[in-house]
Amino acid sequence: MSYGPLVEHLVKSVVTEPEAVSVKEAKDRDGLVYQVTVAPNDVGKVIGKGGRVVSAIRYLVSAAAAKGREKAYIKVLTD
């Protein structure tokens, strides 16, 4: 199952430039990896203070994946 739309929705709800959000899905030996790219001025908003926002997004996506007996990981790509 693809969790890309969930990841995209969660990230777009946090950023100020939702049209710049890009989510790419890749298979890894451990599970699904979602590479998230956002506008340079939105990286801090996605990561959050002390990584709290990205941790919450990771928690939600991994919980949804666990229901389907899968593993999903999120990586925020920065330039």
PDB file of N, CA and C in Angstrom:
ATOM      1  N   MET A   1       0.843  -1.183   0.000  1.00  0.00           N
ATOM      2  CA  MET A   1       0.000   0.000   0.000  1.00  0.00           C
ATOM      3  C   MET A   1       0.888   1.245   0.000  1.00  0.00           C
ATOM      4  N   SER A   2       0.431   2.288  -0.633  1.00  0.00           N
ATOM      5  CA  SER A   2       1.193   3.527  -0.705  1.00  0.00           C
ATOM      6  C   SER A   2       0.694   4.519   0.344  1.00  0.00           C
ATOM      7  N   TYR A   3       1.617   5.067   1.088  1.00  0.00           N
ATOM      8  CA  TYR A   3       1.292   6.057   2.108  1.00  0.00           C
ATOM      9  C   TYR A   3       1.715   7.451   1.670  1.00  0.00           C
ATOM     10  N   GLY A   4       2.062   7.593   0.405  1.00  0.00           N
ATOM     11  CA  GLY A   4       2.487   8.875  -0.155  1.00  0.00           C
ATOM     12  C   GLY A   4       1.449   9.978  -0.002  1.00  0.00           C
ATOM     13  N   PRO A   5       0.170   9.707  -0.318  1.00  0.00           N
ATOM     14  CA  PRO A   5      -0.834  10.757  -0.138  1.00  0.00           C
ATOM     15  C   PRO A   5      -0.966  11.219   1.315  1.00  0.00           C
ATOM     16  N   LEU A   6      -0.826  10.303   2.255  1.00  0.00           N
ATOM     17  CA  LEU A   6      -0.873  10.675   3.676  1.00  0.00           C
ATOM     18  C   LEU A   6       0.303  11.564   4.028  1.00  0.00           C
ATOM     19  N   VAL A   7       1.499  11.190   3.599  1.00  0.00           N
ATOM     20  CA  VAL A   7       2.698  11.983   3.867  1.00  0.00           C
ATOM     21  C   VAL A   7       2.543  13.365   3.246  1.00  0.00           C
ATOM     22  N   GLU A   8       2.092  13.407   2.003  1.00  0.00           N
ATOM     23  CA  GLU A   8       1.939  14.683   1.306  1.00  0.00           C
ATOM     24  C   GLU A   8       0.921  15.584   2.018  1.00  0.00           C
ATOM     25  N   HIS A   9      -0.186  15.022   2.447  1.00  0.00           N
ATOM     26  CA  HIS A   9      -1.214  15.801   3.143  1.00  0.00           C
ATOM     27  C   HIS A   9      -0.681  16.365   4.467  1.00  0.00           C
ATOM     28  N   LEU A  10       0.015  15.541   5.217  1.00  0.00           N
ATOM     29  CA  LEU A  10       0.549  15.986   6.504  1.00  0.00           C
ATOM     30  C   LEU A  10       1.586  17.095   6.327  1.00  0.00           C
ATOM     31  N   VAL A  11       2.465  16.945   5.350  1.00  0.00           N
ATOM     32  CA  VAL A  11       3.507  17.953   5.133  1.00  0.00           C
ATOM     33  C   VAL A  11       2.902  19.243   4.592  1.00  0.00           C
ATOM     34  N   LYS A  12       1.960  19.134   3.668  1.00  0.00           N
ATOM     35  CA  LYS A  12       1.334  20.334   3.103  1.00  0.00           C
ATOM     36  C   LYS A  12       0.564  21.133   4.144  1.00  0.00           C
ATOM     37  N   SER A  13       0.070  20.480   5.175  1.00  0.00           N
ATOM     38  CA  SER A  13      -0.674  21.189   6.209  1.00  0.00           C
ATOM     39  C   SER A  13       0.239  22.000   7.123  1.00  0.00           C
ATOM     40  N   VAL A  14       1.542  21.760   7.066  1.00  0.00           N
ATOM     41  CA  VAL A  14       2.493  22.445   7.932  1.00  0.00           C
ATOM     42  C   VAL A  14       3.178  23.616   7.233  1.00  0.00           C
ATOM     43  N   VAL A  15       3.418  23.514   5.937  1.00  0.00           N
ATOM     44  CA  VAL A  15       4.238  24.485   5.216  1.00  0.00           C
ATOM     45  C   VAL A  15       3.417  25.687   4.744  1.00  0.00           C
ATOM     46  N   THR A  16       4.134  26.760   4.354  1.00  0.00           N
ATOM     47  CA  THR A  16       3.465  27.945   3.817  1.00  0.00           C
ATOM     48  C   THR A  16       3.390  27.906   2.301  1.00  0.00           C
ATOM     49  N   GLU A  17       4.220  27.093   1.660  1.00  0.00           N
ATOM     50  CA  GLU A  17       4.193  26.931   0.202  1.00  0.00           C
ATOM     51  C   GLU A  17       3.865  25.477  -0.142  1.00  0.00           C
ATOM     52  N   PRO A  18       2.586  25.085  -0.060  1.00  0.00           N
ATOM     53  CA  PRO A  18       2.229  23.678  -0.308  1.00  0.00           C
ATOM     54  C   PRO A  18       2.467  23.226  -1.749  1.00  0.00           C
ATOM     55  N   GLU A  19       2.518  24.152  -2.701  1.00  0.00           N
ATOM     56  CA  GLU A  19       2.739  23.754  -4.087  1.00  0.00           C
ATOM     57  C   GLU A  19       4.170  23.296  -4.324  1.00  0.00           C
ATOM     58  N   ALA A  20       5.084  23.610  -3.398  1.00  0.00           N
ATOM     59  CA  ALA A  20       6.488  23.218  -3.542  1.00  0.00           C
ATOM     60  C   ALA A  20       6.789  21.856  -2.917  1.00  0.00           C
ATOM     61  N   VAL A  21       5.795  21.224  -2.311  1.00  0.00           N
ATOM     62  CA  VAL A  21       6.006  19.934  -1.640  1.00  0.00           C
ATOM     63  C   VAL A  21       6.082  18.818  -2.678  1.00  0.00           C
ATOM     64  N   SER A  22       7.101  17.986  -2.544  1.00  0.00           N
ATOM     65  CA  SER A  22       7.286  16.839  -3.423  1.00  0.00           C
ATOM     66  C   SER A  22       7.592  15.613  -2.575  1.00  0.00           C
ATOM     67  N   VAL A  23       6.874  14.534  -2.834  1.00  0.00           N
ATOM     68  CA  VAL A  23       7.072  13.290  -2.088  1.00  0.00           C
ATOM     69  C   VAL A  23       7.398  12.185  -3.080  1.00  0.00           C
ATOM     70  N   LYS A  24       8.545  11.544  -2.886  1.00  0.00           N
ATOM     71  CA  LYS A  24       8.946  10.425  -3.743  1.00  0.00           C
ATOM     72  C   LYS A  24       9.008   9.160  -2.896  1.00  0.00           C
ATOM     73  N   GLU A  25       8.485   8.091  -3.457  1.00  0.00           N
ATOM     74  CA  GLU A  25       8.462   6.808  -2.751  1.00  0.00           C
ATOM     75  C   GLU A  25       9.528   5.893  -3.332  1.00  0.00           C
ATOM     76  N   ALA A  26      10.254   5.231  -2.446  1.00  0.00           N
ATOM     77  CA  ALA A  26      11.273   4.267  -2.874  1.00  0.00           C
ATOM     78  C   ALA A  26      11.196   3.051  -1.959  1.00  0.00           C
ATOM     79  N   LYS A  27      11.459   1.895  -2.549  1.00  0.00           N
ATOM     80  CA  LYS A  27      11.498   0.668  -1.745  1.00  0.00           C
ATOM     81  C   LYS A  27      12.908   0.454  -1.239  1.00  0.00           C
ATOM     82  N   ASP A  28      12.998   0.058  -0.008  1.00  0.00           N
ATOM     83  CA  ASP A  28      14.261  -0.242   0.636  1.00  0.00           C
ATOM     84  C   ASP A  28      14.146  -1.657   1.188  1.00  0.00           C
ATOM     85  N   ARG A  29      15.251  -2.220   1.595  1.00  0.00           N
ATOM     86  CA  ARG A  29      15.165  -3.589   2.140  1.00  0.00           C
ATOM     87  C   ARG A  29      14.394  -3.606   3.457  1.00  0.00           C
ATOM     88  N   ASP A  30      14.345  -2.455   4.149  1.00  0.00           N
ATOM     89  CA  ASP A  30      13.623  -2.374   5.421  1.00  0.00           C
ATOM     90  C   ASP A  30      12.152  -2.030   5.249  1.00  0.00           C
ATOM     91  N   GLY A  31      11.771  -1.431   4.128  1.00  0.00           N
ATOM     92  CA  GLY A  31      10.384  -1.032   3.911  1.00  0.00           C
ATOM     93  C   GLY A  31      10.299   0.077   2.892  1.00  0.00           C
ATOM     94  N   LEU A  32       9.297   0.924   3.036  1.00  0.00           N
ATOM     95  CA  LEU A  32       9.091   2.039   2.132  1.00  0.00           C
ATOM     96  C   LEU A  32       9.765   3.291   2.681  1.00  0.00           C
ATOM     97  N   VAL A  33      10.425   4.021   1.807  1.00  0.00           N
ATOM     98  CA  VAL A  33      11.085   5.269   2.199  1.00  0.00           C
ATOM     99  C   VAL A  33      10.443   6.398   1.410  1.00  0.00           C
ATOM    100  N   TYR A  34       9.999   7.424   2.122  1.00  0.00           N
ATOM    101  CA  TYR A  34       9.399   8.591   1.487  1.00  0.00           C
ATOM    102  C   TYR A  34      10.361   9.758   1.625  1.00  0.00           C
ATOM    103  N   GLN A  35      10.804  10.270   0.485  1.00  0.00           N
ATOM    104  CA  GLN A  35      11.730  11.400   0.461  1.00  0.00           C
ATOM    105  C   GLN A  35      10.913  12.660   0.224  1.00  0.00           C
ATOM    106  N   VAL A  36      10.925  13.542   1.200  1.00  0.00           N
ATOM    107  CA  VAL A  36      10.120  14.758   1.157  1.00  0.00           C
ATOM    108  C   VAL A  36      11.013  15.942   0.838  1.00  0.00           C
ATOM    109  N   THR A  37      10.617  16.711  -0.171  1.00  0.00           N
ATOM    110  CA  THR A  37      11.319  17.930  -0.532  1.00  0.00           C
ATOM    111  C   THR A  37      10.341  19.089  -0.413  1.00  0.00           C
ATOM    112  N   VAL A  38      10.773  20.157   0.269  1.00  0.00           N
ATOM    113  CA  VAL A  38       9.942  21.345   0.432  1.00  0.00           C
ATOM    114  C   VAL A  38      10.749  22.575   0.046  1.00  0.00           C
ATOM    115  N   ALA A  39      10.097  23.722   0.031  1.00  0.00           N
ATOM    116  CA  ALA A  39      10.784  24.981  -0.256  1.00  0.00           C
ATOM    117  C   ALA A  39      11.831  25.236   0.835  1.00  0.00           C
ATOM    118  N   PRO A  40      12.932  25.901   0.480  1.00  0.00           N
ATOM    119  CA  PRO A  40      14.006  26.123   1.460  1.00  0.00           C
ATOM    120  C   PRO A  40      13.562  26.834   2.742  1.00  0.00           C
ATOM    121  N   ASN A  41      12.607  27.753   2.630  1.00  0.00           N
ATOM    122  CA  ASN A  41      12.171  28.459   3.838  1.00  0.00           C
ATOM    123  C   ASN A  41      11.166  27.656   4.670  1.00  0.00           C
ATOM    124  N   ASP A  42      10.720  26.499   4.182  1.00  0.00           N
ATOM    125  CA  ASP A  42       9.777  25.650   4.914  1.00  0.00           C
ATOM    126  C   ASP A  42      10.440  24.453   5.595  1.00  0.00           C
ATOM    127  N   VAL A  43      11.725  24.264   5.384  1.00  0.00           N
ATOM    128  CA  VAL A  43      12.409  23.101   5.970  1.00  0.00           C
ATOM    129  C   VAL A  43      12.312  23.139   7.497  1.00  0.00           C
ATOM    130  N   GLY A  44      12.517  24.309   8.071  1.00  0.00           N
ATOM    131  CA  GLY A  44      12.442  24.451   9.525  1.00  0.00           C
ATOM    132  C   GLY A  44      11.063  24.157  10.069  1.00  0.00           C
ATOM    133  N   LYS A  45      10.038  24.501   9.322  1.00  0.00           N
ATOM    134  CA  LYS A  45       8.670  24.241   9.770  1.00  0.00           C
ATOM    135  C   LYS A  45       8.363  22.752   9.742  1.00  0.00           C
ATOM    136  N   VAL A  46       8.894  22.047   8.752  1.00  0.00           N
ATOM    137  CA  VAL A  46       8.648  20.600   8.658  1.00  0.00           C
ATOM    138  C   VAL A  46       9.403  19.864   9.758  1.00  0.00           C
ATOM    139  N   ILE A  47      10.632  20.285  10.020  1.00  0.00           N
ATOM    140  CA  ILE A  47      11.419  19.628  11.059  1.00  0.00           C
ATOM    141  C   ILE A  47      10.889  19.997  12.443  1.00  0.00           C
ATOM    142  N   GLY A  48      10.606  21.271  12.658  1.00  0.00           N
ATOM    143  CA  GLY A  48      10.058  21.715  13.931  1.00  0.00           C
ATOM    144  C   GLY A  48      11.124  21.890  14.990  1.00  0.00           C
ATOM    145  N   LYS A  49      10.732  22.459  16.099  1.00  0.00           N
ATOM    146  CA  LYS A  49      11.653  22.713  17.198  1.00  0.00           C
ATOM    147  C   LYS A  49      12.080  21.394  17.834  1.00  0.00           C
ATOM    148  N   GLY A  50      13.358  21.114  17.726  1.00  0.00           N
ATOM    149  CA  GLY A  50      13.874  19.864  18.275  1.00  0.00           C
ATOM    150  C   GLY A  50      13.429  18.632  17.503  1.00  0.00           C
ATOM    151  N   GLY A  51      12.915  18.823  16.288  1.00  0.00           N
ATOM    152  CA  GLY A  51      12.472  17.693  15.480  1.00  0.00           C
ATOM    153  C   GLY A  51      11.112  17.154  15.850  1.00  0.00           C
ATOM    154  N   ARG A  52      10.337  17.929  16.575  1.00  0.00           N
ATOM    155  CA  ARG A  52       9.044  17.434  17.048  1.00  0.00           C
ATOM    156  C   ARG A  52       8.029  17.223  15.936  1.00  0.00           C
ATOM    157  N   VAL A  53       7.978  18.139  14.974  1.00  0.00           N
ATOM    158  CA  VAL A  53       6.975  18.031  13.905  1.00  0.00           C
ATOM    159  C   VAL A  53       7.263  16.816  13.025  1.00  0.00           C
ATOM    160  N   VAL A  54       8.500  16.669  12.588  1.00  0.00           N
ATOM    161  CA  VAL A  54       8.834  15.532  11.728  1.00  0.00           C
ATOM    162  C   VAL A  54       8.697  14.223  12.507  1.00  0.00           C
ATOM    163  N   SER A  55       8.948  14.230  13.785  1.00  0.00           N
ATOM    164  CA  SER A  55       8.760  13.020  14.593  1.00  0.00           C
ATOM    165  C   SER A  55       7.280  12.640  14.662  1.00  0.00           C
ATOM    166  N   ALA A  56       6.420  13.632  14.780  1.00  0.00           N
ATOM    167  CA  ALA A  56       4.988  13.356  14.824  1.00  0.00           C
ATOM    168  C   ALA A  56       4.498  12.811  13.483  1.00  0.00           C
ATOM    169  N   ILE A  57       4.997  13.382  12.382  1.00  0.00           N
ATOM    170  CA  ILE A  57       4.619  12.891  11.058  1.00  0.00           C
ATOM    171  C   ILE A  57       5.118  11.463  10.871  1.00  0.00           C
ATOM    172  N   ARG A  58       6.346  11.207  11.283  1.00  0.00           N
ATOM    173  CA  ARG A  58       6.897   9.841  11.180  1.00  0.00           C
ATOM    174  C   ARG A  58       6.078   8.861  11.999  1.00  0.00           C
ATOM    175  N   TYR A  59       5.657   9.282  13.179  1.00  0.00           N
ATOM    176  CA  TYR A  59       4.872   8.417  14.053  1.00  0.00           C
ATOM    177  C   TYR A  59       3.538   8.047  13.396  1.00  0.00           C
ATOM    178  N   LEU A  60       2.857   9.040  12.825  1.00  0.00           N
ATOM    179  CA  LEU A  60       1.567   8.775  12.189  1.00  0.00           C
ATOM    180  C   LEU A  60       1.700   7.850  10.988  1.00  0.00           C
ATOM    181  N   VAL A  61       2.704   8.096  10.154  1.00  0.00           N
ATOM    182  CA  VAL A  61       2.882   7.283   8.949  1.00  0.00           C
ATOM    183  C   VAL A  61       3.313   5.867   9.316  1.00  0.00           C
ATOM    184  N   SER A  62       4.203   5.733  10.286  1.00  0.00           N
ATOM    185  CA  SER A  62       4.634   4.386  10.675  1.00  0.00           C
ATOM    186  C   SER A  62       3.506   3.616  11.356  1.00  0.00           C
ATOM    187  N   ALA A  63       2.623   4.316  12.068  1.00  0.00           N
ATOM    188  CA  ALA A  63       1.472   3.648  12.678  1.00  0.00           C
ATOM    189  C   ALA A  63       0.504   3.153  11.613  1.00  0.00           C
ATOM    190  N   ALA A  64       0.274   3.969  10.579  1.00  0.00           N
ATOM    191  CA  ALA A  64      -0.603   3.549   9.484  1.00  0.00           C
ATOM    192  C   ALA A  64       0.011   2.361   8.741  1.00  0.00           C
ATOM    193  N   ALA A  65       1.326   2.393   8.550  1.00  0.00           N
ATOM    194  CA  ALA A  65       2.000   1.295   7.864  1.00  0.00           C
ATOM    195  C   ALA A  65       1.983   0.021   8.712  1.00  0.00           C
ATOM    196  N   ALA A  66       2.112   0.172  10.009  1.00  0.00           N
ATOM    197  CA  ALA A  66       2.112  -0.996  10.899  1.00  0.00           C
ATOM    198  C   ALA A  66       0.776  -1.718  10.868  1.00  0.00           C
ATOM    199  N   LYS A  67      -0.284  -0.977  10.627  1.00  0.00           N
ATOM    200  CA  LYS A  67      -1.592  -1.611  10.512  1.00  0.00           C
ATOM    201  C   LYS A  67      -1.638  -2.565   9.330  1.00  0.00           C
ATOM    202  N   GLY A  68      -0.904  -2.230   8.275  1.00  0.00           N
ATOM    203  CA  GLY A  68      -0.819  -3.098   7.107  1.00  0.00           C
ATOM    204  C   GLY A  68       0.387  -4.016   7.151  1.00  0.00           C
ATOM    205  N   ARG A  69       0.999  -4.148   8.323  1.00  0.00           N
ATOM    206  CA  ARG A  69       2.188  -4.990   8.533  1.00  0.00           C
ATOM    207  C   ARG A  69       3.342  -4.600   7.613  1.00  0.00           C
ATOM    208  N   GLU A  70       3.540  -3.286   7.483  1.00  0.00           N
ATOM    209  CA  GLU A  70       4.637  -2.756   6.678  1.00  0.00           C
ATOM    210  C   GLU A  70       5.421  -1.756   7.525  1.00  0.00           C
ATOM    211  N   LYS A  71       6.540  -1.330   6.983  1.00  0.00           N
ATOM    212  CA  LYS A  71       7.343  -0.296   7.635  1.00  0.00           C
ATOM    213  C   LYS A  71       7.493   0.859   6.660  1.00  0.00           C
ATOM    214  N   ALA A  72       7.393   2.061   7.188  1.00  0.00           N
ATOM    215  CA  ALA A  72       7.534   3.255   6.347  1.00  0.00           C
ATOM    216  C   ALA A  72       8.437   4.250   7.072  1.00  0.00           C
ATOM    217  N   TYR A  73       9.318   4.880   6.313  1.00  0.00           N
ATOM    218  CA  TYR A  73      10.265   5.845   6.848  1.00  0.00           C
ATOM    219  C   TYR A  73      10.144   7.138   6.075  1.00  0.00           C
ATOM    220  N   ILE A  74      10.422   8.255   6.732  1.00  0.00           N
ATOM    221  CA  ILE A  74      10.370   9.562   6.078  1.00  0.00           C
ATOM    222  C   ILE A  74      11.720  10.237   6.205  1.00  0.00           C
ATOM    223  N   LYS A  75      12.206  10.753   5.075  1.00  0.00           N
ATOM    224  CA  LYS A  75      13.444  11.526   5.060  1.00  0.00           C
ATOM    225  C   LYS A  75      13.117  12.896   4.478  1.00  0.00           C
ATOM    226  N   VAL A  76      13.514  13.937   5.185  1.00  0.00           N
ATOM    227  CA  VAL A  76      13.328  15.296   4.692  1.00  0.00           C
ATOM    228  C   VAL A  76      14.640  15.704   4.023  1.00  0.00           C
ATOM    229  N   LEU A  77      14.574  15.936   2.721  1.00  0.00           N
ATOM    230  CA  LEU A  77      15.765  16.292   1.964  1.00  0.00           C
ATOM    231  C   LEU A  77      15.972  17.791   2.012  1.00  0.00           C
ATOM    232  N   THR A  78      17.207  18.194   2.330  1.00  0.00           N
ATOM    233  CA  THR A  78      17.560  19.610   2.372  1.00  0.00           C
ATOM    234  C   THR A  78      18.665  19.869   1.371  1.00  0.00           C
ATOM    235  N   ASP A  79      18.728  21.085   0.877  1.00  0.00           N
ATOM    236  CA  ASP A  79      19.765  21.438  -0.083  1.00  0.00           C
ATOM    237  C   ASP A  79      20.955  22.066   0.598  1.00  0.00           C
TER     238      ASP A  79
END
